[in-house]
Amino acid sequence: MDLKRDIKPITYLKNRTTDVVAQVSEGRTIVITQNGEAKMVVMGVEEYDRLHRGLALLKMVAQSEADVRAGRLVSQGKVFRELEEIIEDAKREQAGKKSPKTTKRIEGSVDRGRKARR
């Protein structure tokens, strides 16, 4: 952000709305001031979406770190073994050989997940 170029008074927004739309469409973010104080930020939709995707990623990282601190961990090997079992059970089910083991394992995983979130 270029502070000289990207901070504008509210009168600039009122008088040059079309110019502001063109500028933010090109990727600029503009800070609008009122009485010398920053009051709002105007940004394009693409920049807004990118910002929110970044925030969502940071939220997932924070939740993951909290899980690590709380000891809610599953080894990589266990995850892959369970996924392989689920895939094999699904293949058997498609072939007409339903396995009750899969249903119990999935229900158990769901129950553990619910308890961890409480």
Protein backbone atom coordinates (compact mmCIF):
# COMPACT_ATOMS: atom_id res chain seq x y z
CA MET A 1 0.00 0.00 0.00
CA ASP A 2 1.31 3.40 -1.01
CA LEU A 3 0.10 5.68 1.80
CA LYS A 4 0.18 8.85 -0.30
CA ARG A 5 -1.74 7.24 -3.12
CA ASP A 6 -4.06 4.86 -1.24
CA ILE A 7 -5.42 6.97 1.62
CA LYS A 8 -8.18 9.29 0.46
CA PRO A 9 -10.76 11.51 2.18
CA ILE A 10 -14.42 10.54 1.98
CA THR A 11 -15.06 13.41 -0.44
CA TYR A 12 -12.76 11.64 -2.93
CA LEU A 13 -15.00 8.57 -2.72
CA LYS A 14 -18.15 10.69 -3.09
CA ASN A 15 -16.86 12.66 -6.08
CA ARG A 16 -14.89 9.92 -7.87
CA THR A 17 -16.72 6.67 -7.18
CA THR A 18 -16.14 5.39 -10.71
CA ASP A 19 -12.39 6.02 -10.39
CA VAL A 20 -12.32 4.21 -7.03
CA VAL A 21 -14.11 1.19 -8.52
CA ALA A 22 -11.60 1.10 -11.38
CA GLN A 23 -8.65 1.34 -8.98
CA VAL A 24 -9.81 -1.43 -6.65
CA SER A 25 -10.65 -3.59 -9.67
CA GLU A 26 -6.94 -3.36 -10.55
CA GLY A 27 -5.98 -4.74 -7.14
CA ARG A 28 -5.53 -1.56 -5.11
CA THR A 29 -6.94 -1.25 -1.62
CA ILE A 30 -7.98 2.27 -0.60
CA VAL A 31 -8.37 3.59 2.94
CA ILE A 32 -11.11 6.21 3.27
CA THR A 33 -10.78 8.84 5.98
CA GLN A 34 -13.34 11.08 7.62
CA ASN A 35 -12.19 14.08 9.63
CA GLY A 36 -8.60 12.85 9.24
CA GLU A 37 -9.33 9.43 10.76
CA ALA A 38 -9.36 6.10 8.90
CA LYS A 39 -12.99 4.92 8.69
CA MET A 40 -13.18 2.25 6.01
CA VAL A 41 -11.27 0.15 3.53
CA VAL A 42 -12.41 -0.30 -0.06
CA MET A 43 -11.08 -3.36 -1.87
CA GLY A 44 -11.97 -5.44 -4.88
CA VAL A 45 -13.90 -8.68 -4.59
CA GLU A 46 -10.91 -10.80 -5.62
CA GLU A 47 -8.75 -9.24 -2.91
CA TYR A 48 -11.55 -9.69 -0.38
CA ASP A 49 -11.90 -13.38 -1.28
CA ARG A 50 -8.12 -13.87 -1.07
CA LEU A 51 -8.09 -12.22 2.36
CA HIS A 52 -10.87 -14.49 3.64
CA ARG A 53 -9.22 -17.64 2.27
CA GLY A 54 -6.05 -16.63 4.10
CA LEU A 55 -7.95 -16.03 7.32
CA ALA A 56 -9.68 -19.42 7.00
CA LEU A 57 -6.29 -21.09 6.59
CA LEU A 58 -4.92 -19.31 9.65
CA LYS A 59 -7.97 -20.41 11.65
CA MET A 60 -7.34 -24.05 10.66
CA VAL A 61 -3.70 -23.72 11.72
CA ALA A 62 -4.74 -22.27 15.10
CA GLN A 63 -7.26 -25.08 15.63
CA SER A 64 -4.62 -27.66 14.71
CA GLU A 65 -2.14 -26.14 17.15
CA ALA A 66 -4.80 -26.27 19.88
CA ASP A 67 -5.39 -29.95 19.08
CA VAL A 68 -1.65 -30.65 19.40
CA ARG A 69 -1.46 -28.83 22.75
CA ALA A 70 -4.49 -30.78 24.01
CA GLY A 71 -3.00 -34.08 22.88
CA ARG A 72 -5.69 -34.78 20.29
CA LEU A 73 -3.34 -36.49 17.86
CA VAL A 74 -3.54 -39.49 15.55
CA SER A 75 -0.42 -40.98 14.01
CA GLN A 76 -0.02 -40.82 10.27
CA GLY A 77 0.26 -44.59 10.11
CA LYS A 78 -3.05 -45.07 11.92
CA VAL A 79 -4.82 -42.60 9.63
CA PHE A 80 -3.56 -44.38 6.52
CA ARG A 81 -4.43 -47.84 7.93
CA GLU A 82 -7.98 -46.69 8.70
CA LEU A 83 -8.35 -45.10 5.26
CA GLU A 84 -7.12 -48.29 3.58
CA GLU A 85 -9.61 -50.34 5.62
CA ILE A 86 -12.45 -48.01 4.68
CA ILE A 87 -11.50 -48.26 1.00
CA GLU A 88 -11.29 -52.05 1.16
CA ASP A 89 -14.63 -52.25 2.99
CA ALA A 90 -16.21 -49.99 0.37
CA LYS A 91 -14.88 -52.24 -2.38
CA ARG A 92 -16.32 -55.30 -0.62
CA GLU A 93 -19.65 -53.51 -0.14
CA GLN A 94 -19.77 -52.67 -3.84
CA ALA A 95 -19.14 -56.33 -4.58
CA GLY A 96 -22.10 -57.22 -2.34
CA LYS A 97 -20.16 -58.24 0.77
CA LYS A 98 -21.16 -55.65 3.38
CA SER A 99 -18.86 -55.36 6.40
CA PRO A 100 -20.39 -54.30 9.75
CA LYS A 101 -16.86 -53.48 10.93
CA THR A 102 -16.77 -50.32 8.79
CA THR A 103 -19.99 -48.93 10.24
CA LYS A 104 -18.76 -49.45 13.81
CA ARG A 105 -15.35 -47.89 13.09
CA ILE A 106 -16.86 -44.84 11.40
CA GLU A 107 -19.40 -44.35 14.20
CA GLY A 108 -16.59 -44.61 16.76
CA SER A 109 -14.52 -42.01 14.95
CA VAL A 110 -17.50 -39.65 14.77
CA ASP A 111 -18.22 -40.11 18.48
CA ARG A 112 -14.57 -39.43 19.40
CA GLY A 113 -14.62 -36.28 17.26
CA ARG A 114 -17.77 -35.00 18.94
CA LYS A 115 -16.34 -35.62 22.42
CA ALA A 116 -13.10 -33.81 21.53
CA ARG A 117 -15.00 -30.70 20.41
CA ARG A 118 -17.01 -30.41 23.61
